[in-house]
N, C-alpha and C. Protein backbone atom coordinates (compact mmCIF):
# COMPACT_ATOMS: atom_id res chain seq x y z
N MET A 1 69.22 11.30 -37.71
CA MET A 1 70.40 10.46 -37.70
C MET A 1 71.22 10.78 -36.45
N ASN A 2 71.63 9.74 -35.75
CA ASN A 2 72.46 9.90 -34.57
C ASN A 2 73.87 9.38 -34.91
N ILE A 3 74.88 10.18 -34.62
CA ILE A 3 76.26 9.79 -34.90
C ILE A 3 77.07 9.83 -33.61
N ASP A 4 77.57 8.67 -33.21
CA ASP A 4 78.47 8.59 -32.06
C ASP A 4 79.88 8.45 -32.58
N LYS A 5 80.81 9.18 -31.96
CA LYS A 5 82.21 9.08 -32.37
C LYS A 5 82.95 8.18 -31.39
N VAL A 6 83.70 7.23 -31.94
CA VAL A 6 84.49 6.31 -31.14
C VAL A 6 85.94 6.44 -31.56
N GLU A 7 86.84 6.53 -30.59
CA GLU A 7 88.27 6.58 -30.88
C GLU A 7 88.86 5.19 -30.65
N ALA A 8 89.59 4.69 -31.64
CA ALA A 8 90.24 3.39 -31.52
C ALA A 8 91.51 3.39 -32.38
N ASN A 9 92.62 3.00 -31.79
CA ASN A 9 93.90 2.94 -32.50
C ASN A 9 94.23 4.25 -33.22
N GLY A 10 93.89 5.37 -32.60
CA GLY A 10 94.19 6.66 -33.20
C GLY A 10 93.25 7.07 -34.32
N GLN A 11 92.19 6.32 -34.53
CA GLN A 11 91.22 6.62 -35.60
C GLN A 11 89.89 7.06 -34.98
N THR A 12 89.24 8.01 -35.62
CA THR A 12 87.88 8.39 -35.22
C THR A 12 86.92 7.63 -36.11
N ILE A 13 86.02 6.89 -35.47
CA ILE A 13 85.05 6.08 -36.20
C ILE A 13 83.66 6.57 -35.85
N ALA A 14 82.86 6.83 -36.90
CA ALA A 14 81.49 7.29 -36.71
C ALA A 14 80.56 6.09 -36.68
N VAL A 15 79.83 5.94 -35.59
CA VAL A 15 78.84 4.86 -35.47
C VAL A 15 77.47 5.50 -35.64
N VAL A 16 76.81 5.15 -36.74
CA VAL A 16 75.56 5.81 -37.11
C VAL A 16 74.36 4.93 -36.73
N SER A 17 73.37 5.57 -36.14
CA SER A 17 72.11 4.88 -35.84
C SER A 17 70.95 5.76 -36.27
N ASN A 18 69.81 5.13 -36.48
CA ASN A 18 68.62 5.85 -36.91
C ASN A 18 67.43 4.93 -36.78
N LYS A 19 66.24 5.49 -36.86
CA LYS A 19 65.02 4.68 -36.77
C LYS A 19 64.49 4.27 -38.13
N GLU A 20 65.02 4.89 -39.19
CA GLU A 20 64.53 4.57 -40.54
C GLU A 20 65.70 4.44 -41.50
N ILE A 21 65.42 3.93 -42.66
CA ILE A 21 66.44 3.68 -43.67
C ILE A 21 67.12 4.99 -44.08
N LEU A 22 68.45 4.97 -44.11
CA LEU A 22 69.21 6.16 -44.48
C LEU A 22 69.76 6.08 -45.91
N ILE A 23 70.06 4.87 -46.37
CA ILE A 23 70.64 4.70 -47.70
C ILE A 23 69.66 3.90 -48.56
N GLN A 24 69.04 4.58 -49.52
CA GLN A 24 68.06 3.96 -50.41
C GLN A 24 68.54 3.89 -51.85
N ASP A 25 69.42 4.83 -52.20
CA ASP A 25 69.90 4.93 -53.58
C ASP A 25 71.24 5.66 -53.56
N VAL A 26 71.80 5.90 -54.73
CA VAL A 26 73.12 6.53 -54.81
C VAL A 26 73.11 7.93 -54.21
N GLN A 27 72.09 8.72 -54.50
CA GLN A 27 72.04 10.09 -53.98
C GLN A 27 71.95 10.11 -52.46
N SER A 28 71.14 9.23 -51.88
CA SER A 28 71.04 9.21 -50.41
C SER A 28 72.36 8.73 -49.80
N ALA A 29 73.10 7.87 -50.51
CA ALA A 29 74.41 7.43 -50.04
C ALA A 29 75.40 8.60 -50.04
N LEU A 30 75.37 9.40 -51.10
CA LEU A 30 76.24 10.58 -51.17
C LEU A 30 75.91 11.58 -50.06
N ASP A 31 74.62 11.79 -49.82
CA ASP A 31 74.19 12.68 -48.75
C ASP A 31 74.65 12.15 -47.39
N PHE A 32 74.54 10.85 -47.23
CA PHE A 32 74.96 10.18 -45.99
C PHE A 32 76.47 10.39 -45.76
N ILE A 33 77.26 10.13 -46.79
CA ILE A 33 78.72 10.30 -46.69
C ILE A 33 79.06 11.74 -46.29
N ALA A 34 78.46 12.70 -46.97
CA ALA A 34 78.74 14.11 -46.70
C ALA A 34 78.35 14.50 -45.27
N THR A 35 77.18 14.05 -44.84
CA THR A 35 76.70 14.39 -43.50
C THR A 35 77.61 13.81 -42.43
N VAL A 36 77.96 12.55 -42.57
CA VAL A 36 78.82 11.91 -41.56
C VAL A 36 80.20 12.56 -41.54
N GLN A 37 80.76 12.82 -42.71
CA GLN A 37 82.09 13.45 -42.73
C GLN A 37 82.04 14.85 -42.10
N TYR A 38 80.99 15.59 -42.35
CA TYR A 38 80.86 16.93 -41.80
C TYR A 38 80.63 16.90 -40.29
N GLU A 39 79.69 16.06 -39.85
CA GLU A 39 79.31 16.06 -38.43
C GLU A 39 80.30 15.32 -37.54
N ALA A 40 80.93 14.27 -38.05
CA ALA A 40 81.83 13.48 -37.21
C ALA A 40 83.30 13.69 -37.55
N ASP A 41 83.57 14.39 -38.66
CA ASP A 41 84.93 14.58 -39.14
C ASP A 41 85.66 13.23 -39.19
N SER A 42 85.00 12.27 -39.82
CA SER A 42 85.54 10.92 -39.91
C SER A 42 85.28 10.33 -41.29
N ASN A 43 86.22 9.53 -41.76
CA ASN A 43 86.02 8.82 -43.02
C ASN A 43 85.92 7.31 -42.78
N ARG A 44 85.53 6.94 -41.57
CA ARG A 44 85.30 5.54 -41.20
C ARG A 44 83.94 5.45 -40.52
N ILE A 45 83.07 4.61 -41.10
CA ILE A 45 81.68 4.60 -40.66
C ILE A 45 81.21 3.18 -40.36
N VAL A 46 80.48 3.04 -39.27
CA VAL A 46 79.78 1.80 -38.93
C VAL A 46 78.29 2.08 -39.06
N ILE A 47 77.59 1.21 -39.79
CA ILE A 47 76.14 1.36 -39.97
C ILE A 47 75.49 -0.01 -39.94
N ASN A 48 74.33 -0.09 -39.32
CA ASN A 48 73.58 -1.35 -39.29
C ASN A 48 72.91 -1.58 -40.63
N LYS A 49 72.86 -2.83 -41.06
CA LYS A 49 72.26 -3.15 -42.35
C LYS A 49 70.79 -2.76 -42.42
N SER A 50 70.13 -2.63 -41.28
CA SER A 50 68.72 -2.25 -41.26
C SER A 50 68.51 -0.82 -41.75
N LEU A 51 69.59 -0.04 -41.83
CA LEU A 51 69.49 1.34 -42.28
C LEU A 51 69.78 1.49 -43.77
N ILE A 52 69.91 0.33 -44.44
CA ILE A 52 70.18 0.30 -45.88
C ILE A 52 69.03 -0.45 -46.57
N SER A 53 68.58 0.08 -47.68
CA SER A 53 67.49 -0.53 -48.44
C SER A 53 67.78 -2.00 -48.74
N GLU A 54 66.76 -2.85 -48.66
CA GLU A 54 66.92 -4.27 -48.97
C GLU A 54 67.36 -4.48 -50.42
N ASP A 55 67.03 -3.55 -51.31
CA ASP A 55 67.47 -3.65 -52.72
C ASP A 55 68.99 -3.71 -52.82
N PHE A 56 69.67 -3.12 -51.87
CA PHE A 56 71.13 -3.12 -51.83
C PHE A 56 71.66 -4.56 -51.82
N PHE A 57 70.97 -5.44 -51.11
CA PHE A 57 71.43 -6.81 -50.92
C PHE A 57 71.01 -7.75 -52.05
N ASP A 58 70.30 -7.22 -53.04
CA ASP A 58 69.96 -7.97 -54.25
C ASP A 58 70.92 -7.47 -55.33
N LEU A 59 71.97 -8.24 -55.59
CA LEU A 59 73.02 -7.77 -56.49
C LEU A 59 72.53 -7.50 -57.90
N LYS A 60 71.41 -8.10 -58.28
CA LYS A 60 70.88 -7.87 -59.63
C LYS A 60 70.47 -6.41 -59.83
N THR A 61 70.18 -5.69 -58.76
CA THR A 61 69.79 -4.28 -58.87
C THR A 61 71.00 -3.39 -59.14
N ARG A 62 72.20 -3.91 -58.92
CA ARG A 62 73.46 -3.18 -59.07
C ARG A 62 73.62 -2.03 -58.07
N LEU A 63 72.68 -1.92 -57.14
CA LEU A 63 72.71 -0.82 -56.17
C LEU A 63 73.93 -0.92 -55.26
N ALA A 64 74.26 -2.11 -54.80
CA ALA A 64 75.41 -2.27 -53.90
C ALA A 64 76.68 -1.77 -54.56
N GLY A 65 76.91 -2.18 -55.79
CA GLY A 65 78.11 -1.76 -56.50
C GLY A 65 78.17 -0.26 -56.72
N GLU A 66 77.05 0.32 -57.11
CA GLU A 66 77.00 1.77 -57.36
C GLU A 66 77.23 2.56 -56.08
N ILE A 67 76.59 2.11 -55.00
CA ILE A 67 76.72 2.82 -53.72
C ILE A 67 78.13 2.66 -53.15
N LEU A 68 78.62 1.44 -53.13
CA LEU A 68 79.94 1.21 -52.54
C LEU A 68 81.05 1.87 -53.34
N GLN A 69 80.83 2.04 -54.64
CA GLN A 69 81.82 2.76 -55.45
C GLN A 69 81.94 4.21 -54.99
N LYS A 70 80.85 4.79 -54.53
CA LYS A 70 80.90 6.16 -54.01
C LYS A 70 81.75 6.23 -52.74
N PHE A 71 81.62 5.22 -51.88
CA PHE A 71 82.45 5.19 -50.67
C PHE A 71 83.93 5.10 -51.05
N ILE A 72 84.26 4.29 -52.04
CA ILE A 72 85.64 4.16 -52.51
C ILE A 72 86.12 5.48 -53.11
N THR A 73 85.30 6.07 -53.97
CA THR A 73 85.66 7.33 -54.63
C THR A 73 85.97 8.43 -53.62
N TYR A 74 85.16 8.51 -52.56
CA TYR A 74 85.36 9.56 -51.56
C TYR A 74 86.24 9.11 -50.41
N GLN A 75 86.92 7.96 -50.58
CA GLN A 75 87.87 7.43 -49.61
C GLN A 75 87.28 7.28 -48.22
N VAL A 76 86.07 6.71 -48.17
CA VAL A 76 85.39 6.44 -46.92
C VAL A 76 85.33 4.93 -46.72
N LYS A 77 85.80 4.49 -45.57
CA LYS A 77 85.74 3.07 -45.23
C LYS A 77 84.44 2.84 -44.47
N ILE A 78 83.77 1.72 -44.76
CA ILE A 78 82.48 1.45 -44.13
C ILE A 78 82.40 0.01 -43.67
N ALA A 79 81.80 -0.16 -42.50
CA ALA A 79 81.50 -1.49 -41.99
C ALA A 79 79.99 -1.56 -41.81
N ILE A 80 79.39 -2.51 -42.49
CA ILE A 80 77.95 -2.74 -42.39
C ILE A 80 77.78 -3.91 -41.44
N ILE A 81 77.02 -3.69 -40.37
CA ILE A 81 76.89 -4.75 -39.36
C ILE A 81 75.50 -5.37 -39.37
N GLY A 82 75.46 -6.64 -39.00
CA GLY A 82 74.19 -7.35 -38.93
C GLY A 82 74.38 -8.82 -39.26
N ASP A 83 73.25 -9.51 -39.34
CA ASP A 83 73.24 -10.93 -39.67
C ASP A 83 72.97 -11.07 -41.17
N PHE A 84 73.95 -11.56 -41.89
CA PHE A 84 73.83 -11.69 -43.34
C PHE A 84 73.51 -13.13 -43.76
N SER A 85 73.33 -14.01 -42.79
CA SER A 85 73.06 -15.42 -43.10
C SER A 85 71.68 -15.61 -43.71
N MET A 86 70.80 -14.64 -43.55
CA MET A 86 69.44 -14.75 -44.10
C MET A 86 69.41 -14.67 -45.62
N TYR A 87 70.51 -14.18 -46.20
CA TYR A 87 70.56 -14.04 -47.66
C TYR A 87 71.13 -15.33 -48.26
N SER A 88 70.34 -15.96 -49.09
CA SER A 88 70.75 -17.26 -49.65
C SER A 88 71.53 -17.12 -50.96
N SER A 89 71.62 -15.94 -51.50
CA SER A 89 72.31 -15.71 -52.77
C SER A 89 73.80 -16.03 -52.64
N ARG A 90 74.25 -16.97 -53.45
CA ARG A 90 75.66 -17.34 -53.45
C ARG A 90 76.52 -16.16 -53.91
N SER A 91 76.03 -15.42 -54.90
CA SER A 91 76.81 -14.28 -55.39
C SER A 91 76.95 -13.20 -54.31
N LEU A 92 75.92 -12.99 -53.49
CA LEU A 92 76.01 -12.01 -52.41
C LEU A 92 77.01 -12.50 -51.36
N GLN A 93 76.95 -13.78 -51.02
CA GLN A 93 77.89 -14.33 -50.04
C GLN A 93 79.33 -14.18 -50.54
N ASP A 94 79.54 -14.42 -51.84
CA ASP A 94 80.88 -14.25 -52.43
C ASP A 94 81.30 -12.78 -52.38
N PHE A 95 80.36 -11.88 -52.67
CA PHE A 95 80.62 -10.45 -52.64
C PHE A 95 81.04 -10.01 -51.23
N ILE A 96 80.31 -10.48 -50.23
CA ILE A 96 80.63 -10.16 -48.83
C ILE A 96 82.01 -10.69 -48.48
N TYR A 97 82.31 -11.91 -48.89
CA TYR A 97 83.62 -12.52 -48.63
C TYR A 97 84.74 -11.66 -49.23
N GLU A 98 84.57 -11.27 -50.48
CA GLU A 98 85.59 -10.46 -51.16
C GLU A 98 85.76 -9.10 -50.48
N CYS A 99 84.66 -8.47 -50.10
CA CYS A 99 84.74 -7.18 -49.41
C CYS A 99 85.51 -7.32 -48.10
N ASN A 100 85.20 -8.37 -47.34
CA ASN A 100 85.83 -8.57 -46.05
C ASN A 100 87.33 -8.85 -46.16
N ASN A 101 87.79 -9.25 -47.33
CA ASN A 101 89.22 -9.48 -47.54
C ASN A 101 89.91 -8.26 -48.14
N GLY A 102 89.16 -7.18 -48.31
CA GLY A 102 89.72 -5.94 -48.82
C GLY A 102 90.11 -5.01 -47.68
N LYS A 103 90.17 -3.72 -47.98
CA LYS A 103 90.60 -2.76 -46.96
C LYS A 103 89.65 -1.58 -46.77
N ASP A 104 88.50 -1.60 -47.47
CA ASP A 104 87.62 -0.43 -47.41
C ASP A 104 86.18 -0.73 -46.99
N ILE A 105 85.69 -1.92 -47.30
CA ILE A 105 84.29 -2.26 -47.08
C ILE A 105 84.22 -3.60 -46.33
N PHE A 106 83.44 -3.59 -45.25
CA PHE A 106 83.35 -4.81 -44.43
C PHE A 106 81.90 -5.10 -44.07
N PHE A 107 81.57 -6.37 -44.02
CA PHE A 107 80.27 -6.84 -43.57
C PHE A 107 80.54 -7.70 -42.35
N LEU A 108 80.16 -7.21 -41.18
CA LEU A 108 80.53 -7.87 -39.93
C LEU A 108 79.33 -8.05 -39.02
N PRO A 109 79.42 -9.02 -38.10
CA PRO A 109 78.25 -9.30 -37.25
C PRO A 109 78.01 -8.32 -36.11
N THR A 110 79.07 -7.66 -35.60
CA THR A 110 78.88 -6.79 -34.43
C THR A 110 79.57 -5.44 -34.59
N GLU A 111 79.09 -4.49 -33.81
CA GLU A 111 79.68 -3.15 -33.80
C GLU A 111 81.12 -3.21 -33.29
N GLU A 112 81.37 -4.04 -32.29
CA GLU A 112 82.71 -4.16 -31.72
C GLU A 112 83.72 -4.63 -32.78
N LEU A 113 83.35 -5.66 -33.55
CA LEU A 113 84.23 -6.15 -34.61
C LEU A 113 84.43 -5.08 -35.69
N ALA A 114 83.37 -4.36 -35.99
CA ALA A 114 83.45 -3.31 -37.00
C ALA A 114 84.41 -2.21 -36.59
N ILE A 115 84.31 -1.78 -35.35
CA ILE A 115 85.21 -0.73 -34.83
C ILE A 115 86.66 -1.23 -34.87
N GLU A 116 86.87 -2.46 -34.44
CA GLU A 116 88.22 -3.04 -34.47
C GLU A 116 88.78 -3.08 -35.89
N LYS A 117 87.98 -3.58 -36.83
CA LYS A 117 88.43 -3.71 -38.22
C LYS A 117 88.72 -2.34 -38.84
N LEU A 118 87.81 -1.38 -38.64
CA LEU A 118 88.00 -0.05 -39.22
C LEU A 118 89.19 0.68 -38.59
N SER A 119 89.41 0.44 -37.30
CA SER A 119 90.51 1.14 -36.63
C SER A 119 91.88 0.64 -37.12
N LYS A 120 91.92 -0.58 -37.64
CA LYS A 120 93.18 -1.16 -38.11
C LYS A 120 93.34 -1.07 -39.62
N ALA A 121 92.28 -0.74 -40.34
CA ALA A 121 92.33 -0.67 -41.80
C ALA A 121 93.23 0.48 -42.23
N ARG A 122 94.03 0.23 -43.24
CA ARG A 122 94.94 1.29 -43.74
C ARG A 122 94.61 1.65 -45.12
């Protein structure tokens, strides 16, 4: 796992990259949160959707809810970046919309937008 730290609006944001999936289930999400907080000393994370299991994007698995609840519990804000238009599920699109109108979880198209959003989130 590669973690780059970016400073924006007085916030440290961890931008995570990797060659393989990092978040597959709740335990790997917890490990991910702990590693990023330890290595980057940040509670704001940008991650590409390619590093998250595809099961996450199938709301019937309940994986998204279980994983994102851990981010909320540990007060970690996350921006998942990528193209989400490939998902035809209306419930997933609604879920993404609701998250983007919140203050902790965002689904955005670019790293730049993610850094901007996370740096301003309170």
